Amino acid sequence: MTDTNKKINELKREMQRLYEDVKALKVDIEPGGHVSEGFDRLSEDIDNLRDEVRKNYYQHSHQINQVLARQEVMLEAFTKISDLPEED
């Protein structure tokens, strides 16, 4: 009988340990749990990165347009294209 009781007690302890593990996992995966918080944080980081990329894109696009405009002005100044007579 003692071996049977021992085995039953071992199984009860194991079942209790497994129950606690499952309970902890449920807390982690429920909304607001660690996993949800991780996904929320990842989503925020992606949004911030996207905003930063857009900001950089618009800044670089503006800078490129400025450079192209300056090149056009310099090309006209060097070639005097705007001073050429019009053709009939």
PDB file of N, CA and C in Angstrom:
ATOM      1  N   MET A   1       0.801  -1.187   0.000  1.00  0.00           N
ATOM      2  CA  MET A   1       0.000   0.000   0.000  1.00  0.00           C
ATOM      3  C   MET A   1       0.858   1.271   0.000  1.00  0.00           C
ATOM      4  N   THR A   2       1.944   1.259   0.672  1.00  0.00           N
ATOM      5  CA  THR A   2       2.801   2.437   0.726  1.00  0.00           C
ATOM      6  C   THR A   2       3.394   2.754  -0.643  1.00  0.00           C
ATOM      7  N   ASP A   3       3.721   1.727  -1.427  1.00  0.00           N
ATOM      8  CA  ASP A   3       4.235   1.986  -2.780  1.00  0.00           C
ATOM      9  C   ASP A   3       3.158   2.630  -3.643  1.00  0.00           C
ATOM     10  N   THR A   4       1.945   2.189  -3.466  1.00  0.00           N
ATOM     11  CA  THR A   4       0.828   2.750  -4.229  1.00  0.00           C
ATOM     12  C   THR A   4       0.589   4.186  -3.805  1.00  0.00           C
ATOM     13  N   ASN A   5       0.614   4.461  -2.513  1.00  0.00           N
ATOM     14  CA  ASN A   5       0.449   5.832  -2.006  1.00  0.00           C
ATOM     15  C   ASN A   5       1.578   6.736  -2.496  1.00  0.00           C
ATOM     16  N   LYS A   6       2.785   6.184  -2.478  1.00  0.00           N
ATOM     17  CA  LYS A   6       3.944   6.932  -2.946  1.00  0.00           C
ATOM     18  C   LYS A   6       3.762   7.319  -4.415  1.00  0.00           C
ATOM     19  N   LYS A   7       3.332   6.363  -5.205  1.00  0.00           N
ATOM     20  CA  LYS A   7       3.130   6.589  -6.631  1.00  0.00           C
ATOM     21  C   LYS A   7       2.016   7.611  -6.853  1.00  0.00           C
ATOM     22  N   ILE A   8       0.927   7.488  -6.091  1.00  0.00           N
ATOM     23  CA  ILE A   8      -0.185   8.438  -6.189  1.00  0.00           C
ATOM     24  C   ILE A   8       0.286   9.839  -5.820  1.00  0.00           C
ATOM     25  N   ASN A   9       1.064   9.965  -4.755  1.00  0.00           N
ATOM     26  CA  ASN A   9       1.581  11.274  -4.342  1.00  0.00           C
ATOM     27  C   ASN A   9       2.522  11.856  -5.391  1.00  0.00           C
ATOM     28  N   GLU A  10       3.354  11.035  -5.998  1.00  0.00           N
ATOM     29  CA  GLU A  10       4.245  11.497  -7.068  1.00  0.00           C
ATOM     30  C   GLU A  10       3.427  12.020  -8.250  1.00  0.00           C
ATOM     31  N   LEU A  11       2.394  11.272  -8.605  1.00  0.00           N
ATOM     32  CA  LEU A  11       1.545  11.678  -9.722  1.00  0.00           C
ATOM     33  C   LEU A  11       0.785  12.969  -9.398  1.00  0.00           C
ATOM     34  N   LYS A  12       0.333  13.113  -8.138  1.00  0.00           N
ATOM     35  CA  LYS A  12      -0.336  14.345  -7.726  1.00  0.00           C
ATOM     36  C   LYS A  12       0.606  15.549  -7.827  1.00  0.00           C
ATOM     37  N   ARG A  13       1.837  15.358  -7.360  1.00  0.00           N
ATOM     38  CA  ARG A  13       2.830  16.440  -7.437  1.00  0.00           C
ATOM     39  C   ARG A  13       3.125  16.799  -8.900  1.00  0.00           C
ATOM     40  N   GLU A  14       3.272  15.772  -9.705  1.00  0.00           N
ATOM     41  CA  GLU A  14       3.544  16.009 -11.133  1.00  0.00           C
ATOM     42  C   GLU A  14       2.370  16.732 -11.786  1.00  0.00           C
ATOM     43  N   MET A  15       1.160  16.301 -11.455  1.00  0.00           N
ATOM     44  CA  MET A  15      -0.019  16.940 -12.005  1.00  0.00           C
ATOM     45  C   MET A  15      -0.111  18.396 -11.535  1.00  0.00           C
ATOM     46  N   GLN A  16       0.208  18.667 -10.285  1.00  0.00           N
ATOM     47  CA  GLN A  16       0.196  20.034  -9.752  1.00  0.00           C
ATOM     48  C   GLN A  16       1.245  20.897 -10.465  1.00  0.00           C
ATOM     49  N   ARG A  17       2.430  20.321 -10.666  1.00  0.00           N
ATOM     50  CA  ARG A  17       3.492  21.058 -11.369  1.00  0.00           C
ATOM     51  C   ARG A  17       3.055  21.385 -12.797  1.00  0.00           C
ATOM     52  N   LEU A  18       2.465  20.412 -13.489  1.00  0.00           N
ATOM     53  CA  LEU A  18       1.991  20.629 -14.855  1.00  0.00           C
ATOM     54  C   LEU A  18       0.865  21.664 -14.888  1.00  0.00           C
ATOM     55  N   TYR A  19      -0.007  21.608 -13.889  1.00  0.00           N
ATOM     56  CA  TYR A  19      -1.091  22.583 -13.792  1.00  0.00           C
ATOM     57  C   TYR A  19      -0.520  23.993 -13.652  1.00  0.00           C
ATOM     58  N   GLU A  20       0.466  24.171 -12.808  1.00  0.00           N
ATOM     59  CA  GLU A  20       1.100  25.479 -12.616  1.00  0.00           C
ATOM     60  C   GLU A  20       1.784  25.949 -13.907  1.00  0.00           C
ATOM     61  N   ASP A  21       2.432  25.021 -14.618  1.00  0.00           N
ATOM     62  CA  ASP A  21       3.073  25.370 -15.890  1.00  0.00           C
ATOM     63  C   ASP A  21       2.045  25.851 -16.917  1.00  0.00           C
ATOM     64  N   VAL A  22       0.944  25.131 -17.016  1.00  0.00           N
ATOM     65  CA  VAL A  22      -0.119  25.512 -17.957  1.00  0.00           C
ATOM     66  C   VAL A  22      -0.711  26.856 -17.557  1.00  0.00           C
ATOM     67  N   LYS A  23      -0.909  27.043 -16.280  1.00  0.00           N
ATOM     68  CA  LYS A  23      -1.449  28.310 -15.775  1.00  0.00           C
ATOM     69  C   LYS A  23      -0.520  29.474 -16.136  1.00  0.00           C
ATOM     70  N   ALA A  24       0.777  29.264 -15.971  1.00  0.00           N
ATOM     71  CA  ALA A  24       1.758  30.299 -16.313  1.00  0.00           C
ATOM     72  C   ALA A  24       1.747  30.578 -17.813  1.00  0.00           C
ATOM     73  N   LEU A  25       1.636  29.539 -18.620  1.00  0.00           N
ATOM     74  CA  LEU A  25       1.583  29.718 -20.069  1.00  0.00           C
ATOM     75  C   LEU A  25       0.336  30.484 -20.494  1.00  0.00           C
ATOM     76  N   LYS A  26      -0.796  30.183 -19.861  1.00  0.00           N
ATOM     77  CA  LYS A  26      -2.032  30.898 -20.172  1.00  0.00           C
ATOM     78  C   LYS A  26      -1.857  32.386 -19.887  1.00  0.00           C
ATOM     79  N   VAL A  27      -1.244  32.703 -18.763  1.00  0.00           N
ATOM     80  CA  VAL A  27      -1.017  34.108 -18.409  1.00  0.00           C
ATOM     81  C   VAL A  27      -0.135  34.777 -19.458  1.00  0.00           C
ATOM     82  N   ASP A  28       0.857  34.064 -19.962  1.00  0.00           N
ATOM     83  CA  ASP A  28       1.761  34.630 -20.957  1.00  0.00           C
ATOM     84  C   ASP A  28       1.079  34.892 -22.297  1.00  0.00           C
ATOM     85  N   ILE A  29       0.160  34.012 -22.701  1.00  0.00           N
ATOM     86  CA  ILE A  29      -0.425  34.153 -24.036  1.00  0.00           C
ATOM     87  C   ILE A  29      -1.749  34.900 -24.060  1.00  0.00           C
ATOM     88  N   GLU A  30      -2.344  35.147 -22.915  1.00  0.00           N
ATOM     89  CA  GLU A  30      -3.590  35.911 -22.875  1.00  0.00           C
ATOM     90  C   GLU A  30      -3.325  37.349 -23.300  1.00  0.00           C
ATOM     91  N   PRO A  31      -4.388  38.048 -23.785  1.00  0.00           N
ATOM     92  CA  PRO A  31      -4.215  39.466 -24.111  1.00  0.00           C
ATOM     93  C   PRO A  31      -3.641  40.212 -22.905  1.00  0.00           C
ATOM     94  N   GLY A  32      -2.632  40.979 -23.158  1.00  0.00           N
ATOM     95  CA  GLY A  32      -1.955  41.685 -22.082  1.00  0.00           C
ATOM     96  C   GLY A  32      -0.865  40.870 -21.417  1.00  0.00           C
ATOM     97  N   GLY A  33      -0.707  39.619 -21.823  1.00  0.00           N
ATOM     98  CA  GLY A  33       0.355  38.775 -21.270  1.00  0.00           C
ATOM     99  C   GLY A  33       1.690  39.081 -21.937  1.00  0.00           C
ATOM    100  N   HIS A  34       2.711  38.322 -21.563  1.00  0.00           N
ATOM    101  CA  HIS A  34       4.053  38.579 -22.076  1.00  0.00           C
ATOM    102  C   HIS A  34       4.132  38.475 -23.595  1.00  0.00           C
ATOM    103  N   VAL A  35       3.497  37.473 -24.174  1.00  0.00           N
ATOM    104  CA  VAL A  35       3.544  37.294 -25.620  1.00  0.00           C
ATOM    105  C   VAL A  35       2.840  38.456 -26.317  1.00  0.00           C
ATOM    106  N   SER A  36       1.666  38.819 -25.814  1.00  0.00           N
ATOM    107  CA  SER A  36       0.928  39.959 -26.388  1.00  0.00           C
ATOM    108  C   SER A  36       1.735  41.241 -26.266  1.00  0.00           C
ATOM    109  N   GLU A  37       2.343  41.438 -25.119  1.00  0.00           N
ATOM    110  CA  GLU A  37       3.182  42.617 -24.919  1.00  0.00           C
ATOM    111  C   GLU A  37       4.349  42.623 -25.912  1.00  0.00           C
ATOM    112  N   GLY A  38       4.924  41.454 -26.140  1.00  0.00           N
ATOM    113  CA  GLY A  38       6.029  41.356 -27.098  1.00  0.00           C
ATOM    114  C   GLY A  38       5.586  41.736 -28.500  1.00  0.00           C
ATOM    115  N   PHE A  39       4.421  41.236 -28.903  1.00  0.00           N
ATOM    116  CA  PHE A  39       3.905  41.590 -30.234  1.00  0.00           C
ATOM    117  C   PHE A  39       3.552  43.064 -30.316  1.00  0.00           C
ATOM    118  N   ASP A  40       2.990  43.610 -29.249  1.00  0.00           N
ATOM    119  CA  ASP A  40       2.680  45.036 -29.232  1.00  0.00           C
ATOM    120  C   ASP A  40       3.947  45.868 -29.374  1.00  0.00           C
ATOM    121  N   ARG A  41       4.973  45.484 -28.660  1.00  0.00           N
ATOM    122  CA  ARG A  41       6.257  46.202 -28.724  1.00  0.00           C
ATOM    123  C   ARG A  41       6.864  46.101 -30.121  1.00  0.00           C
ATOM    124  N   LEU A  42       6.805  44.897 -30.696  1.00  0.00           N
ATOM    125  CA  LEU A  42       7.313  44.695 -32.042  1.00  0.00           C
ATOM    126  C   LEU A  42       6.542  45.546 -33.041  1.00  0.00           C
ATOM    127  N   SER A  43       5.236  45.616 -32.890  1.00  0.00           N
ATOM    128  CA  SER A  43       4.400  46.437 -33.772  1.00  0.00           C
ATOM    129  C   SER A  43       4.773  47.914 -33.656  1.00  0.00           C
ATOM    130  N   GLU A  44       4.990  48.386 -32.441  1.00  0.00           N
ATOM    131  CA  GLU A  44       5.406  49.775 -32.221  1.00  0.00           C
ATOM    132  C   GLU A  44       6.757  50.045 -32.876  1.00  0.00           C
ATOM    133  N   ASP A  45       7.691  49.117 -32.710  1.00  0.00           N
ATOM    134  CA  ASP A  45       9.015  49.277 -33.314  1.00  0.00           C
ATOM    135  C   ASP A  45       8.923  49.332 -34.835  1.00  0.00           C
ATOM    136  N   ILE A  46       8.079  48.492 -35.413  1.00  0.00           N
ATOM    137  CA  ILE A  46       7.904  48.492 -36.877  1.00  0.00           C
ATOM    138  C   ILE A  46       7.279  49.814 -37.327  1.00  0.00           C
ATOM    139  N   ASP A  47       6.278  50.297 -36.593  1.00  0.00           N
ATOM    140  CA  ASP A  47       5.659  51.586 -36.932  1.00  0.00           C
ATOM    141  C   ASP A  47       6.672  52.717 -36.858  1.00  0.00           C
ATOM    142  N   ASN A  48       7.485  52.721 -35.809  1.00  0.00           N
ATOM    143  CA  ASN A  48       8.507  53.761 -35.663  1.00  0.00           C
ATOM    144  C   ASN A  48       9.531  53.685 -36.788  1.00  0.00           C
ATOM    145  N   LEU A  49       9.935  52.476 -37.141  1.00  0.00           N
ATOM    146  CA  LEU A  49      10.896  52.301 -38.227  1.00  0.00           C
ATOM    147  C   LEU A  49      10.299  52.765 -39.550  1.00  0.00           C
ATOM    148  N   ARG A  50       9.032  52.414 -39.795  1.00  0.00           N
ATOM    149  CA  ARG A  50       8.368  52.840 -41.027  1.00  0.00           C
ATOM    150  C   ARG A  50       8.310  54.370 -41.091  1.00  0.00           C
ATOM    151  N   ASP A  51       7.968  55.010 -39.985  1.00  0.00           N
ATOM    152  CA  ASP A  51       7.912  56.470 -39.953  1.00  0.00           C
ATOM    153  C   ASP A  51       9.285  57.080 -40.211  1.00  0.00           C
ATOM    154  N   GLU A  52      10.307  56.478 -39.628  1.00  0.00           N
ATOM    155  CA  GLU A  52      11.678  56.973 -39.826  1.00  0.00           C
ATOM    156  C   GLU A  52      12.106  56.810 -41.282  1.00  0.00           C
ATOM    157  N   VAL A  53      11.770  55.688 -41.889  1.00  0.00           N
ATOM    158  CA  VAL A  53      12.118  55.451 -43.299  1.00  0.00           C
ATOM    159  C   VAL A  53      11.405  56.462 -44.188  1.00  0.00           C
ATOM    160  N   ARG A  54      10.126  56.700 -43.924  1.00  0.00           N
ATOM    161  CA  ARG A  54       9.380  57.696 -44.716  1.00  0.00           C
ATOM    162  C   ARG A  54       9.995  59.079 -44.574  1.00  0.00           C
ATOM    163  N   LYS A  55      10.318  59.442 -43.341  1.00  0.00           N
ATOM    164  CA  LYS A  55      10.916  60.751 -43.090  1.00  0.00           C
ATOM    165  C   LYS A  55      12.224  60.881 -43.864  1.00  0.00           C
ATOM    166  N   ASN A  56      13.073  59.861 -43.785  1.00  0.00           N
ATOM    167  CA  ASN A  56      14.343  59.879 -44.510  1.00  0.00           C
ATOM    168  C   ASN A  56      14.115  59.918 -46.010  1.00  0.00           C
ATOM    169  N   TYR A  57      13.125  59.174 -46.499  1.00  0.00           N
ATOM    170  CA  TYR A  57      12.825  59.155 -47.925  1.00  0.00           C
ATOM    171  C   TYR A  57      12.457  60.557 -48.399  1.00  0.00           C
ATOM    172  N   TYR A  58      11.568  61.224 -47.668  1.00  0.00           N
ATOM    173  CA  TYR A  58      11.139  62.559 -48.076  1.00  0.00           C
ATOM    174  C   TYR A  58      12.294  63.558 -48.006  1.00  0.00           C
ATOM    175  N   GLN A  59      13.132  63.436 -46.993  1.00  0.00           N
ATOM    176  CA  GLN A  59      14.294  64.329 -46.891  1.00  0.00           C
ATOM    177  C   GLN A  59      15.243  64.108 -48.062  1.00  0.00           C
ATOM    178  N   HIS A  60      15.536  62.833 -48.356  1.00  0.00           N
ATOM    179  CA  HIS A  60      16.458  62.536 -49.456  1.00  0.00           C
ATOM    180  C   HIS A  60      15.853  62.911 -50.801  1.00  0.00           C
ATOM    181  N   SER A  61      14.582  62.697 -50.956  1.00  0.00           N
ATOM    182  CA  SER A  61      13.910  63.065 -52.196  1.00  0.00           C
ATOM    183  C   SER A  61      14.007  64.567 -52.412  1.00  0.00           C
ATOM    184  N   HIS A  62      13.779  65.330 -51.357  1.00  0.00           N
ATOM    185  CA  HIS A  62      13.888  66.790 -51.448  1.00  0.00           C
ATOM    186  C   HIS A  62      15.323  67.206 -51.782  1.00  0.00           C
ATOM    187  N   GLN A  63      16.283  66.587 -51.131  1.00  0.00           N
ATOM    188  CA  GLN A  63      17.691  66.917 -51.396  1.00  0.00           C
ATOM    189  C   GLN A  63      18.079  66.579 -52.833  1.00  0.00           C
ATOM    190  N   ILE A  64      17.605  65.451 -53.332  1.00  0.00           N
ATOM    191  CA  ILE A  64      17.907  65.062 -54.716  1.00  0.00           C
ATOM    192  C   ILE A  64      17.295  66.063 -55.686  1.00  0.00           C
ATOM    193  N   ASN A  65      16.067  66.494 -55.424  1.00  0.00           N
ATOM    194  CA  ASN A  65      15.435  67.495 -56.286  1.00  0.00           C
ATOM    195  C   ASN A  65      16.204  68.807 -56.278  1.00  0.00           C
ATOM    196  N   GLN A  66      16.729  69.184 -55.128  1.00  0.00           N
ATOM    197  CA  GLN A  66      17.541  70.402 -55.052  1.00  0.00           C
ATOM    198  C   GLN A  66      18.819  70.256 -55.882  1.00  0.00           C
ATOM    199  N   VAL A  67      19.467  69.111 -55.782  1.00  0.00           N
ATOM    200  CA  VAL A  67      20.694  68.872 -56.544  1.00  0.00           C
ATOM    201  C   VAL A  67      20.391  68.898 -58.050  1.00  0.00           C
ATOM    202  N   LEU A  68      19.313  68.265 -58.451  1.00  0.00           N
ATOM    203  CA  LEU A  68      18.946  68.252 -59.867  1.00  0.00           C
ATOM    204  C   LEU A  68      18.644  69.662 -60.373  1.00  0.00           C
ATOM    205  N   ALA A  69      17.967  70.456 -59.560  1.00  0.00           N
ATOM    206  CA  ALA A  69      17.672  71.834 -59.946  1.00  0.00           C
ATOM    207  C   ALA A  69      18.967  72.631 -60.085  1.00  0.00           C
ATOM    208  N   ARG A  70      19.897  72.442 -59.177  1.00  0.00           N
ATOM    209  CA  ARG A  70      21.185  73.144 -59.270  1.00  0.00           C
ATOM    210  C   ARG A  70      21.962  72.700 -60.506  1.00  0.00           C
ATOM    211  N   GLN A  71      21.920  71.406 -60.793  1.00  0.00           N
ATOM    212  CA  GLN A  71      22.605  70.914 -61.983  1.00  0.00           C
ATOM    213  C   GLN A  71      22.010  71.528 -63.242  1.00  0.00           C
ATOM    214  N   GLU A  72      20.710  71.662 -63.272  1.00  0.00           N
ATOM    215  CA  GLU A  72      20.054  72.254 -64.437  1.00  0.00           C
ATOM    216  C   GLU A  72      20.475  73.709 -64.606  1.00  0.00           C
ATOM    217  N   VAL A  73      20.521  74.437 -63.496  1.00  0.00           N
ATOM    218  CA  VAL A  73      20.954  75.842 -63.546  1.00  0.00           C
ATOM    219  C   VAL A  73      22.401  75.918 -64.025  1.00  0.00           C
ATOM    220  N   MET A  74      23.261  75.049 -63.499  1.00  0.00           N
ATOM    221  CA  MET A  74      24.675  75.055 -63.914  1.00  0.00           C
ATOM    222  C   MET A  74      24.807  74.666 -65.382  1.00  0.00           C
ATOM    223  N   LEU A  75      24.057  73.677 -65.837  1.00  0.00           N
ATOM    224  CA  LEU A  75      24.118  73.253 -67.232  1.00  0.00           C
ATOM    225  C   LEU A  75      23.693  74.380 -68.158  1.00  0.00           C
ATOM    226  N   GLU A  76      22.641  75.089 -67.783  1.00  0.00           N
ATOM    227  CA  GLU A  76      22.220  76.239 -68.595  1.00  0.00           C
ATOM    228  C   GLU A  76      23.283  77.331 -68.603  1.00  0.00           C
ATOM    229  N   ALA A  77      23.910  77.542 -67.445  1.00  0.00           N
ATOM    230  CA  ALA A  77      24.945  78.577 -67.374  1.00  0.00           C
ATOM    231  C   ALA A  77      26.160  78.190 -68.209  1.00  0.00           C
ATOM    232  N   PHE A  78      26.552  76.940 -68.204  1.00  0.00           N
ATOM    233  CA  PHE A  78      27.718  76.487 -68.965  1.00  0.00           C
ATOM    234  C   PHE A  78      27.454  76.449 -70.469  1.00  0.00           C
ATOM    235  N   THR A  79      26.293  76.025 -70.831  1.00  0.00           N
ATOM    236  CA  THR A  79      26.011  75.818 -72.253  1.00  0.00           C
ATOM    237  C   THR A  79      25.308  76.992 -72.896  1.00  0.00           C
ATOM    238  N   LYS A  80      24.810  77.877 -72.141  1.00  0.00           N
ATOM    239  CA  LYS A  80      24.052  79.039 -72.623  1.00  0.00           C
ATOM    240  C   LYS A  80      22.886  78.607 -73.500  1.00  0.00           C
ATOM    241  N   ILE A  81      22.292  77.470 -73.182  1.00  0.00           N
ATOM    242  CA  ILE A  81      21.165  76.934 -73.952  1.00  0.00           C
ATOM    243  C   ILE A  81      20.009  77.931 -73.977  1.00  0.00           C
ATOM    244  N   SER A  82      19.780  78.610 -72.900  1.00  0.00           N
ATOM    245  CA  SER A  82      18.655  79.546 -72.847  1.00  0.00           C
ATOM    246  C   SER A  82      18.916  80.778 -73.712  1.00  0.00           C
ATOM    247  N   ASP A  83      20.170  81.054 -74.122  1.00  0.00           N
ATOM    248  CA  ASP A  83      20.505  82.209 -74.951  1.00  0.00           C
ATOM    249  C   ASP A  83      20.461  81.904 -76.446  1.00  0.00           C
ATOM    250  N   LEU A  84      20.246  80.682 -76.837  1.00  0.00           N
ATOM    251  CA  LEU A  84      20.224  80.310 -78.252  1.00  0.00           C
ATOM    252  C   LEU A  84      19.010  80.920 -78.937  1.00  0.00           C
ATOM    253  N   PRO A  85      19.225  81.350 -80.173  1.00  0.00           N
ATOM    254  CA  PRO A  85      18.059  81.895 -80.898  1.00  0.00           C
ATOM    255  C   PRO A  85      17.085  80.776 -81.231  1.00  0.00           C
ATOM    256  N   GLU A  86      15.820  81.145 -81.323  1.00  0.00           N
ATOM    257  CA  GLU A  86      14.808  80.162 -81.659  1.00  0.00           C
ATOM    258  C   GLU A  86      14.844  79.873 -83.151  1.00  0.00           C
ATOM    259  N   GLU A  87      14.535  78.649 -83.508  1.00  0.00           N
ATOM    260  CA  GLU A  87      14.509  78.263 -84.904  1.00  0.00           C
ATOM    261  C   GLU A  87      13.157  78.561 -85.511  1.00  0.00           C
ATOM    262  N   ASP A  88      13.163  78.847 -86.803  1.00  0.00           N
ATOM    263  CA  ASP A  88      11.886  79.103 -87.503  1.00  0.00           C
ATOM    264  C   ASP A  88      11.328  77.839 -88.067  1.00  0.00           C
TER     265      ASP A  88
END
